[in-house]
Amino acid sequence: MSTRQYDPVAAPRSRLWTPAGLVLILFVIVTVYYLGRQFNSRELQQRDAAIQQLQSDSQRLSADIADQNANLTALRAELMSTKAALEAIMPSQNTYNISPNQSLIAGDGRLTIGMVGSPGNDGVNLNVNGKQQKVAAGDAIHLSPDPSTTCQVQVQSFDMFKAMLIASCAATKSQ
């Protein structure tokens, strides 16, 4: 009877570590490396194309915003000009511009106001419902055209060519 002992030196070599096995492993490693680079290369190209598209979209949108801001500025300027022209034609409620020797109806038709002559340095001559009075800027004329109504005419400002008045009427409060 013979007993065999395991001898590592005499043991057969694994097929994996043969020269053909090593070449196969090296081939697989190189192939996987190049396939990975190709896959990453496509992803990088797609990423770069997406970035370029986003940059061009951003530039286009920035130009659109700049155009819209310019348009908005122009529209605001036009609105302010139109508003100023409208204020000159039709001032705020109960506010009136009156020129020398001009008359106007105010206070819901209860007041007839006329400016007599040009304004002077110290005030304007106003004819309110047939009563002439000299009034300075900030002064007010109070009157009652009928027992149920009180009216007020106040001079806001004046210059050589016009005066700005606030005229309003309100029902008297019953006590």
N, C-alpha and C. Protein backbone atom coordinates (compact mmCIF):
# COMPACT_ATOMS: atom_id res chain seq x y z
N MET A 1 0.79 -1.15 0.00
CA MET A 1 0.00 0.00 0.00
C MET A 1 0.86 1.24 0.00
N SER A 2 0.45 2.07 -0.82
CA SER A 2 1.24 3.29 -0.92
C SER A 2 0.40 4.49 -0.50
N THR A 3 0.98 5.31 0.18
CA THR A 3 0.28 6.53 0.62
C THR A 3 0.83 7.69 -0.16
N ARG A 4 -0.10 8.41 -0.69
CA ARG A 4 0.32 9.59 -1.48
C ARG A 4 0.07 10.82 -0.66
N GLN A 5 1.00 11.58 -0.58
CA GLN A 5 0.84 12.87 0.10
C GLN A 5 0.72 13.96 -0.96
N TYR A 6 0.05 15.00 -0.52
CA TYR A 6 -0.17 16.13 -1.44
C TYR A 6 1.11 16.92 -1.57
N ASP A 7 1.57 17.04 -2.78
CA ASP A 7 2.79 17.81 -3.03
C ASP A 7 2.41 19.03 -3.86
N PRO A 8 2.56 20.19 -3.27
CA PRO A 8 2.16 21.38 -4.03
C PRO A 8 2.99 21.60 -5.26
N VAL A 9 4.20 21.23 -5.28
CA VAL A 9 5.04 21.47 -6.45
C VAL A 9 4.65 20.52 -7.56
N ALA A 10 4.26 19.35 -7.22
CA ALA A 10 3.92 18.38 -8.22
C ALA A 10 2.46 18.47 -8.63
N ALA A 11 1.68 19.30 -7.97
CA ALA A 11 0.25 19.43 -8.30
C ALA A 11 0.10 20.05 -9.68
N PRO A 12 -0.98 19.66 -10.40
CA PRO A 12 -1.14 20.23 -11.74
C PRO A 12 -1.53 21.71 -11.63
N ARG A 13 -1.09 22.48 -12.57
CA ARG A 13 -1.39 23.92 -12.57
C ARG A 13 -2.81 24.15 -12.99
N SER A 14 -3.37 25.21 -12.48
CA SER A 14 -4.73 25.58 -12.85
C SER A 14 -4.71 26.10 -14.28
N ARG A 15 -5.77 25.84 -15.00
CA ARG A 15 -5.84 26.27 -16.40
C ARG A 15 -5.93 27.78 -16.52
N LEU A 16 -6.41 28.44 -15.46
CA LEU A 16 -6.58 29.90 -15.49
C LEU A 16 -5.24 30.60 -15.59
N TRP A 17 -4.23 30.07 -15.00
CA TRP A 17 -2.94 30.75 -14.95
C TRP A 17 -1.99 30.26 -16.04
N THR A 18 -2.51 29.65 -17.03
CA THR A 18 -1.68 29.26 -18.17
C THR A 18 -1.49 30.49 -19.04
N PRO A 19 -0.52 30.49 -19.92
CA PRO A 19 -0.32 31.66 -20.78
C PRO A 19 -1.55 31.99 -21.60
N ALA A 20 -2.29 31.03 -22.06
CA ALA A 20 -3.51 31.31 -22.84
C ALA A 20 -4.57 31.94 -21.94
N GLY A 21 -4.68 31.50 -20.68
CA GLY A 21 -5.63 32.06 -19.73
C GLY A 21 -5.28 33.50 -19.39
N LEU A 22 -4.00 33.78 -19.22
CA LEU A 22 -3.57 35.15 -18.92
C LEU A 22 -3.86 36.08 -20.09
N VAL A 23 -3.64 35.62 -21.30
CA VAL A 23 -3.93 36.43 -22.49
C VAL A 23 -5.43 36.71 -22.57
N LEU A 24 -6.23 35.68 -22.25
CA LEU A 24 -7.68 35.86 -22.26
C LEU A 24 -8.11 36.88 -21.21
N ILE A 25 -7.57 36.81 -20.01
CA ILE A 25 -7.90 37.79 -18.96
C ILE A 25 -7.48 39.19 -19.38
N LEU A 26 -6.28 39.31 -19.93
CA LEU A 26 -5.79 40.60 -20.40
C LEU A 26 -6.68 41.14 -21.52
N PHE A 27 -7.11 40.29 -22.42
CA PHE A 27 -8.00 40.70 -23.51
C PHE A 27 -9.33 41.22 -22.96
N VAL A 28 -9.90 40.51 -21.98
CA VAL A 28 -11.18 40.93 -21.38
C VAL A 28 -11.01 42.29 -20.69
N ILE A 29 -9.93 42.47 -19.96
CA ILE A 29 -9.69 43.74 -19.25
C ILE A 29 -9.58 44.89 -20.25
N VAL A 30 -8.82 44.72 -21.30
CA VAL A 30 -8.63 45.78 -22.31
C VAL A 30 -9.94 46.07 -23.02
N THR A 31 -10.70 45.02 -23.36
CA THR A 31 -11.98 45.21 -24.05
C THR A 31 -12.95 45.98 -23.18
N VAL A 32 -13.06 45.60 -21.91
CA VAL A 32 -13.97 46.30 -21.00
C VAL A 32 -13.54 47.76 -20.82
N TYR A 33 -12.22 47.98 -20.75
CA TYR A 33 -11.73 49.35 -20.61
C TYR A 33 -12.14 50.21 -21.81
N TYR A 34 -11.93 49.74 -23.01
CA TYR A 34 -12.28 50.51 -24.20
C TYR A 34 -13.79 50.65 -24.38
N LEU A 35 -14.55 49.62 -24.04
CA LEU A 35 -16.01 49.75 -24.10
C LEU A 35 -16.50 50.80 -23.10
N GLY A 36 -15.91 50.82 -21.92
CA GLY A 36 -16.27 51.83 -20.92
C GLY A 36 -15.95 53.23 -21.40
N ARG A 37 -14.80 53.37 -22.05
CA ARG A 37 -14.44 54.70 -22.59
C ARG A 37 -15.41 55.13 -23.68
N GLN A 38 -15.81 54.19 -24.54
CA GLN A 38 -16.76 54.51 -25.61
C GLN A 38 -18.10 54.93 -25.01
N PHE A 39 -18.56 54.20 -24.03
CA PHE A 39 -19.83 54.50 -23.38
C PHE A 39 -19.77 55.89 -22.72
N ASN A 40 -18.69 56.16 -21.99
CA ASN A 40 -18.52 57.47 -21.35
C ASN A 40 -18.36 58.58 -22.39
N SER A 41 -17.71 58.26 -23.47
CA SER A 41 -17.51 59.25 -24.52
C SER A 41 -18.86 59.69 -25.10
N ARG A 42 -19.76 58.73 -25.35
CA ARG A 42 -21.09 59.09 -25.86
C ARG A 42 -21.85 59.93 -24.85
N GLU A 43 -21.76 59.55 -23.57
CA GLU A 43 -22.45 60.32 -22.54
C GLU A 43 -21.89 61.75 -22.45
N LEU A 44 -20.58 61.89 -22.55
CA LEU A 44 -19.96 63.21 -22.50
C LEU A 44 -20.36 64.05 -23.70
N GLN A 45 -20.44 63.43 -24.87
CA GLN A 45 -20.87 64.17 -26.05
C GLN A 45 -22.32 64.62 -25.91
N GLN A 46 -23.17 63.74 -25.38
CA GLN A 46 -24.56 64.12 -25.17
C GLN A 46 -24.66 65.25 -24.12
N ARG A 47 -23.86 65.15 -23.08
CA ARG A 47 -23.86 66.20 -22.06
C ARG A 47 -23.39 67.53 -22.64
N ASP A 48 -22.33 67.49 -23.42
CA ASP A 48 -21.81 68.72 -24.04
C ASP A 48 -22.83 69.33 -25.00
N ALA A 49 -23.52 68.48 -25.76
CA ALA A 49 -24.55 68.98 -26.68
C ALA A 49 -25.70 69.61 -25.89
N ALA A 50 -26.09 68.99 -24.78
CA ALA A 50 -27.17 69.55 -23.95
C ALA A 50 -26.75 70.88 -23.33
N ILE A 51 -25.51 70.97 -22.87
CA ILE A 51 -25.00 72.23 -22.30
C ILE A 51 -25.00 73.32 -23.36
N GLN A 52 -24.54 73.00 -24.56
CA GLN A 52 -24.51 73.99 -25.64
C GLN A 52 -25.92 74.45 -25.99
N GLN A 53 -26.88 73.53 -26.03
CA GLN A 53 -28.27 73.88 -26.32
C GLN A 53 -28.83 74.78 -25.22
N LEU A 54 -28.54 74.46 -23.97
CA LEU A 54 -29.02 75.28 -22.85
C LEU A 54 -28.38 76.67 -22.88
N GLN A 55 -27.11 76.76 -23.26
CA GLN A 55 -26.46 78.06 -23.35
C GLN A 55 -27.09 78.91 -24.45
N SER A 56 -27.38 78.31 -25.59
CA SER A 56 -28.00 79.08 -26.68
C SER A 56 -29.42 79.49 -26.28
N ASP A 57 -30.15 78.59 -25.60
CA ASP A 57 -31.49 78.96 -25.11
C ASP A 57 -31.41 80.09 -24.10
N SER A 58 -30.42 80.03 -23.22
CA SER A 58 -30.25 81.08 -22.21
C SER A 58 -29.93 82.41 -22.87
N GLN A 59 -29.08 82.42 -23.88
CA GLN A 59 -28.76 83.66 -24.59
C GLN A 59 -29.99 84.21 -25.31
N ARG A 60 -30.76 83.32 -25.92
CA ARG A 60 -31.96 83.76 -26.62
C ARG A 60 -32.96 84.35 -25.62
N LEU A 61 -33.14 83.67 -24.49
CA LEU A 61 -34.08 84.17 -23.47
C LEU A 61 -33.59 85.48 -22.86
N SER A 62 -32.29 85.62 -22.68
CA SER A 62 -31.74 86.88 -22.16
C SER A 62 -32.01 88.02 -23.14
N ALA A 63 -31.85 87.74 -24.42
CA ALA A 63 -32.14 88.76 -25.43
C ALA A 63 -33.63 89.10 -25.43
N ASP A 64 -34.49 88.08 -25.29
CA ASP A 64 -35.93 88.33 -25.21
C ASP A 64 -36.28 89.19 -24.00
N ILE A 65 -35.67 88.89 -22.86
CA ILE A 65 -35.92 89.68 -21.65
C ILE A 65 -35.46 91.12 -21.85
N ALA A 66 -34.30 91.31 -22.46
CA ALA A 66 -33.80 92.66 -22.71
C ALA A 66 -34.76 93.42 -23.64
N ASP A 67 -35.27 92.75 -24.68
CA ASP A 67 -36.23 93.39 -25.58
C ASP A 67 -37.51 93.73 -24.84
N GLN A 68 -37.99 92.81 -24.00
CA GLN A 68 -39.22 93.07 -23.26
C GLN A 68 -39.03 94.20 -22.25
N ASN A 69 -37.86 94.28 -21.61
CA ASN A 69 -37.59 95.38 -20.68
C ASN A 69 -37.55 96.71 -21.42
N ALA A 70 -36.95 96.73 -22.59
CA ALA A 70 -36.92 97.96 -23.39
C ALA A 70 -38.33 98.35 -23.81
N ASN A 71 -39.12 97.36 -24.22
CA ASN A 71 -40.51 97.61 -24.60
C ASN A 71 -41.31 98.12 -23.41
N LEU A 72 -41.09 97.51 -22.25
CA LEU A 72 -41.79 97.93 -21.03
C LEU A 72 -41.42 99.36 -20.66
N THR A 73 -40.16 99.71 -20.77
CA THR A 73 -39.72 101.07 -20.48
C THR A 73 -40.37 102.06 -21.44
N ALA A 74 -40.42 101.71 -22.71
CA ALA A 74 -41.05 102.59 -23.69
C ALA A 74 -42.54 102.72 -23.41
N LEU A 75 -43.20 101.62 -23.06
CA LEU A 75 -44.63 101.68 -22.74
C LEU A 75 -44.90 102.51 -21.49
N ARG A 76 -44.03 102.40 -20.49
CA ARG A 76 -44.18 103.21 -19.28
C ARG A 76 -44.04 104.70 -19.60
N ALA A 77 -43.05 105.02 -20.42
CA ALA A 77 -42.85 106.42 -20.81
C ALA A 77 -44.07 106.93 -21.57
N GLU A 78 -44.58 106.10 -22.47
CA GLU A 78 -45.78 106.49 -23.23
C GLU A 78 -46.98 106.65 -22.30
N LEU A 79 -47.11 105.74 -21.33
CA LEU A 79 -48.20 105.85 -20.36
C LEU A 79 -48.10 107.13 -19.55
N MET A 80 -46.92 107.45 -19.08
CA MET A 80 -46.74 108.68 -18.30
C MET A 80 -47.05 109.92 -19.15
N SER A 81 -46.62 109.89 -20.41
CA SER A 81 -46.90 111.01 -21.31
C SER A 81 -48.40 111.14 -21.53
N THR A 82 -49.05 110.01 -21.78
CA THR A 82 -50.50 110.02 -22.00
C THR A 82 -51.23 110.46 -20.74
N LYS A 83 -50.76 110.00 -19.60
CA LYS A 83 -51.38 110.38 -18.32
C LYS A 83 -51.23 111.88 -18.08
N ALA A 84 -50.05 112.42 -18.37
CA ALA A 84 -49.83 113.85 -18.20
C ALA A 84 -50.73 114.65 -19.14
N ALA A 85 -50.87 114.17 -20.39
CA ALA A 85 -51.75 114.86 -21.33
C ALA A 85 -53.20 114.79 -20.86
N LEU A 86 -53.60 113.65 -20.34
CA LEU A 86 -54.96 113.50 -19.84
C LEU A 86 -55.19 114.38 -18.62
N GLU A 87 -54.20 114.47 -17.73
CA GLU A 87 -54.31 115.34 -16.56
C GLU A 87 -54.45 116.80 -17.00
N ALA A 88 -53.74 117.18 -18.06
CA ALA A 88 -53.84 118.55 -18.55
C ALA A 88 -55.23 118.83 -19.11
N ILE A 89 -55.81 117.83 -19.77
CA ILE A 89 -57.14 118.01 -20.36
C ILE A 89 -58.21 117.86 -19.29
N MET A 90 -58.08 116.81 -18.49
CA MET A 90 -59.10 116.50 -17.48
C MET A 90 -58.38 116.16 -16.18
N PRO A 91 -58.13 117.17 -15.32
CA PRO A 91 -57.39 116.91 -14.08
C PRO A 91 -58.16 115.98 -13.15
N SER A 92 -57.55 115.68 -12.03
CA SER A 92 -58.17 114.80 -11.04
C SER A 92 -59.53 115.34 -10.64
N GLN A 93 -60.33 114.47 -10.05
CA GLN A 93 -61.68 114.86 -9.66
C GLN A 93 -61.62 116.09 -8.77
N ASN A 94 -62.48 117.06 -9.08
CA ASN A 94 -62.61 118.32 -8.35
C ASN A 94 -61.40 119.23 -8.47
N THR A 95 -60.46 118.94 -9.34
CA THR A 95 -59.29 119.79 -9.57
C THR A 95 -59.43 120.41 -10.95
N TYR A 96 -59.22 121.73 -11.01
CA TYR A 96 -59.45 122.46 -12.26
C TYR A 96 -58.29 123.40 -12.51
N ASN A 97 -57.90 123.49 -13.78
CA ASN A 97 -56.96 124.52 -14.23
C ASN A 97 -57.77 125.60 -14.90
N ILE A 98 -57.56 126.84 -14.49
CA ILE A 98 -58.31 127.94 -15.06
C ILE A 98 -57.34 129.00 -15.55
N SER A 99 -57.59 129.53 -16.72
CA SER A 99 -56.74 130.56 -17.33
C SER A 99 -57.35 131.93 -17.10
N PRO A 100 -56.57 133.02 -17.29
CA PRO A 100 -57.12 134.36 -17.11
C PRO A 100 -58.33 134.59 -18.02
N ASN A 101 -59.34 135.25 -17.47
CA ASN A 101 -60.57 135.61 -18.18
C ASN A 101 -61.31 134.37 -18.71
N GLN A 102 -61.22 133.30 -18.01
CA GLN A 102 -61.92 132.06 -18.36
C GLN A 102 -62.85 131.72 -17.20
N SER A 103 -63.95 131.07 -17.52
CA SER A 103 -64.84 130.62 -16.46
C SER A 103 -65.14 129.14 -16.67
N LEU A 104 -65.54 128.50 -15.56
CA LEU A 104 -65.87 127.09 -15.65
C LEU A 104 -66.95 126.77 -14.63
N ILE A 105 -67.62 125.67 -14.89
CA ILE A 105 -68.69 125.20 -14.00
C ILE A 105 -68.12 124.05 -13.18
N ALA A 106 -68.29 124.09 -11.86
CA ALA A 106 -67.73 123.08 -10.97
C ALA A 106 -68.76 122.73 -9.91
N GLY A 107 -68.38 121.80 -9.03
CA GLY A 107 -69.25 121.42 -7.92
C GLY A 107 -70.59 120.88 -8.37
N ASP A 108 -70.57 119.97 -9.33
CA ASP A 108 -71.80 119.36 -9.86
C ASP A 108 -72.77 120.40 -10.40
N GLY A 109 -72.23 121.45 -11.01
CA GLY A 109 -73.07 122.49 -11.63
C GLY A 109 -73.53 123.56 -10.65
N ARG A 110 -73.11 123.51 -9.40
CA ARG A 110 -73.56 124.49 -8.41
C ARG A 110 -72.66 125.72 -8.34
N LEU A 111 -71.46 125.64 -8.91
CA LEU A 111 -70.51 126.75 -8.84
C LEU A 111 -70.12 127.22 -10.24
N THR A 112 -70.12 128.53 -10.41
CA THR A 112 -69.56 129.13 -11.62
C THR A 112 -68.35 129.93 -11.16
N ILE A 113 -67.18 129.51 -11.63
CA ILE A 113 -65.93 130.13 -11.20
C ILE A 113 -65.27 130.78 -12.40
N GLY A 114 -64.85 132.02 -12.25
CA GLY A 114 -64.13 132.71 -13.31
C GLY A 114 -62.90 133.40 -12.75
N MET A 115 -61.83 133.45 -13.51
CA MET A 115 -60.64 134.18 -13.09
C MET A 115 -60.65 135.51 -13.82
N VAL A 116 -60.62 136.58 -13.04
CA VAL A 116 -60.66 137.93 -13.58
C VAL A 116 -59.23 138.42 -13.74
N GLY A 117 -58.81 138.64 -14.99
CA GLY A 117 -57.45 139.11 -15.26
C GLY A 117 -56.42 138.04 -14.98
N SER A 118 -55.15 138.44 -15.12
CA SER A 118 -54.03 137.53 -14.87
C SER A 118 -53.73 137.49 -13.37
N PRO A 119 -53.18 136.39 -12.90
CA PRO A 119 -52.79 136.33 -11.50
C PRO A 119 -51.70 137.36 -11.19
N GLY A 120 -51.73 137.89 -10.00
CA GLY A 120 -50.70 138.83 -9.57
C GLY A 120 -49.68 138.11 -8.70
N ASN A 121 -48.81 138.89 -8.08
CA ASN A 121 -47.79 138.29 -7.22
C ASN A 121 -48.38 137.74 -5.93
N ASP A 122 -49.43 138.38 -5.43
CA ASP A 122 -49.97 138.00 -4.13
C ASP A 122 -51.25 137.18 -4.19
N GLY A 123 -51.83 136.97 -5.35
CA GLY A 123 -53.04 136.18 -5.43
C GLY A 123 -53.73 136.30 -6.78
N VAL A 124 -54.91 135.70 -6.85
CA VAL A 124 -55.72 135.73 -8.07
C VAL A 124 -57.09 136.31 -7.72
N ASN A 125 -57.70 136.96 -8.70
CA ASN A 125 -59.06 137.47 -8.53
C ASN A 125 -60.01 136.43 -9.11
N LEU A 126 -60.84 135.85 -8.22
CA LEU A 126 -61.81 134.86 -8.64
C LEU A 126 -63.21 135.42 -8.48
N ASN A 127 -64.03 135.10 -9.44
CA ASN A 127 -65.45 135.42 -9.37
C ASN A 127 -66.17 134.10 -9.18
N VAL A 128 -66.73 133.88 -7.96
CA VAL A 128 -67.41 132.63 -7.63
C VAL A 128 -68.89 132.95 -7.44
N ASN A 129 -69.71 132.44 -8.33
CA ASN A 129 -71.16 132.66 -8.31
C ASN A 129 -71.51 134.15 -8.23
N GLY A 130 -70.77 134.97 -8.98
CA GLY A 130 -71.07 136.39 -9.08
C GLY A 130 -70.40 137.24 -8.02
N LYS A 131 -69.63 136.66 -7.12
CA LYS A 131 -68.95 137.39 -6.06
C LYS A 131 -67.45 137.37 -6.33
N GLN A 132 -66.83 138.55 -6.51
CA GLN A 132 -65.41 138.62 -6.82
C GLN A 132 -64.61 138.70 -5.53
N GLN A 133 -63.52 137.90 -5.46
CA GLN A 133 -62.67 137.87 -4.27
C GLN A 133 -61.23 137.68 -4.70
N LYS A 134 -60.30 138.27 -3.93
CA LYS A 134 -58.86 138.07 -4.18
C LYS A 134 -58.41 136.95 -3.22
N VAL A 135 -57.79 135.92 -3.79
CA VAL A 135 -57.43 134.74 -3.03
C VAL A 135 -55.96 134.39 -3.30
N ALA A 136 -55.22 134.05 -2.23
CA ALA A 136 -53.82 133.62 -2.36
C ALA A 136 -53.78 132.09 -2.40
N ALA A 137 -52.61 131.57 -2.73
CA ALA A 137 -52.44 130.11 -2.77
C ALA A 137 -52.66 129.53 -1.37
N GLY A 138 -53.46 128.49 -1.29
CA GLY A 138 -53.78 127.86 -0.02
C GLY A 138 -55.06 128.39 0.63
N ASP A 139 -55.52 129.55 0.20
CA ASP A 139 -56.77 130.12 0.76
C ASP A 139 -57.97 129.37 0.19
N ALA A 140 -59.06 129.39 0.96
CA ALA A 140 -60.28 128.72 0.53
C ALA A 140 -61.45 129.67 0.67
N ILE A 141 -62.40 129.53 -0.24
CA ILE A 141 -63.65 130.29 -0.20
C ILE A 141 -64.75 129.29 0.15
N HIS A 142 -65.50 129.55 1.23
CA HIS A 142 -66.60 128.70 1.64
C HIS A 142 -67.90 129.42 1.31
N LEU A 143 -68.86 128.73 0.71
CA LEU A 143 -70.14 129.32 0.39
C LEU A 143 -71.22 128.26 0.35
N SER A 144 -72.44 128.72 0.43
CA SER A 144 -73.61 127.82 0.36
C SER A 144 -74.53 128.32 -0.73
N PRO A 145 -74.51 127.65 -1.90
CA PRO A 145 -75.39 128.10 -2.98
C PRO A 145 -76.86 127.87 -2.65
N ASP A 146 -77.15 126.92 -1.80
CA ASP A 146 -78.51 126.68 -1.32
C ASP A 146 -78.41 126.13 0.10
N PRO A 147 -79.49 126.13 0.88
CA PRO A 147 -79.40 125.72 2.28
C PRO A 147 -78.96 124.27 2.51
N SER A 148 -79.13 123.41 1.56
CA SER A 148 -78.78 122.00 1.76
C SER A 148 -77.37 121.65 1.29
N THR A 149 -76.61 122.62 0.79
CA THR A 149 -75.30 122.34 0.21
C THR A 149 -74.27 123.35 0.70
N THR A 150 -73.07 122.85 1.00
CA THR A 150 -71.94 123.73 1.27
C THR A 150 -70.86 123.43 0.24
N CYS A 151 -70.22 124.48 -0.23
CA CYS A 151 -69.18 124.33 -1.26
C CYS A 151 -67.91 125.00 -0.78
N GLN A 152 -66.82 124.56 -1.38
CA GLN A 152 -65.52 125.12 -1.05
C GLN A 152 -64.71 125.22 -2.33
N VAL A 153 -64.05 126.36 -2.51
CA VAL A 153 -63.13 126.59 -3.63
C VAL A 153 -61.80 126.95 -3.01
N GLN A 154 -60.76 126.17 -3.31
CA GLN A 154 -59.43 126.41 -2.75
C GLN A 154 -58.44 126.59 -3.88
N VAL A 155 -57.56 127.56 -3.74
CA VAL A 155 -56.51 127.80 -4.73
C VAL A 155 -55.31 126.95 -4.33
N GLN A 156 -54.96 125.99 -5.17
CA GLN A 156 -53.79 125.14 -4.92
C GLN A 156 -52.51 125.89 -5.25
N SER A 157 -52.45 126.42 -6.47
CA SER A 157 -51.27 127.14 -6.93
C SER A 157 -51.65 128.02 -8.10
N PHE A 158 -50.76 128.94 -8.42
CA PHE A 158 -51.00 129.77 -9.60
C PHE A 158 -49.67 130.27 -10.12
N ASP A 159 -49.67 130.60 -11.40
CA ASP A 159 -48.53 131.25 -12.02
C ASP A 159 -49.07 132.34 -12.92
N MET A 160 -48.25 132.85 -13.81
CA MET A 160 -48.67 133.97 -14.66
C MET A 160 -49.79 133.60 -15.63
N PHE A 161 -49.89 132.32 -15.97
CA PHE A 161 -50.78 131.92 -17.05
C PHE A 161 -51.99 131.10 -16.61
N LYS A 162 -51.99 130.59 -15.39
CA LYS A 162 -53.11 129.76 -14.96
C LYS A 162 -53.12 129.62 -13.45
N ALA A 163 -54.23 129.13 -12.96
CA ALA A 163 -54.36 128.81 -11.54
C ALA A 163 -54.94 127.41 -11.43
N MET A 164 -54.54 126.67 -10.39
CA MET A 164 -55.09 125.34 -10.15
C MET A 164 -55.99 125.44 -8.93
N LEU A 165 -57.25 125.03 -9.12
CA LEU A 165 -58.25 125.14 -8.08
C LEU A 165 -58.78 123.76 -7.72
N ILE A 166 -59.23 123.64 -6.46
CA ILE A 166 -59.99 122.46 -6.03
C ILE A 166 -61.35 122.98 -5.62
N ALA A 167 -62.39 122.51 -6.28
CA ALA A 167 -63.75 122.97 -5.99
C ALA A 167 -64.63 121.76 -5.76
N SER A 168 -65.36 121.77 -4.64
CA SER A 168 -66.24 120.66 -4.36
C SER A 168 -67.43 121.14 -3.54
N CYS A 169 -68.51 120.39 -3.68
CA CYS A 169 -69.74 120.68 -2.93
C CYS A 169 -70.18 119.40 -2.24
N ALA A 170 -70.77 119.57 -1.07
CA ALA A 170 -71.29 118.42 -0.31
C ALA A 170 -72.58 118.81 0.36
N ALA A 171 -73.41 117.82 0.59
CA ALA A 171 -74.69 118.07 1.28
C ALA A 171 -74.38 118.40 2.74
N THR A 172 -75.15 119.34 3.30
CA THR A 172 -74.96 119.69 4.70
C THR A 172 -75.48 118.58 5.57
N LYS A 173 -74.85 118.43 6.72
CA LYS A 173 -75.29 117.39 7.67
C LYS A 173 -76.45 117.93 8.49
N SER A 174 -77.51 117.18 8.58
CA SER A 174 -78.65 117.60 9.39
C SER A 174 -78.37 117.31 10.85
N GLN A 175 -78.84 118.21 11.71
CA GLN A 175 -78.52 118.07 13.12
C GLN A 175 -79.70 117.64 13.92
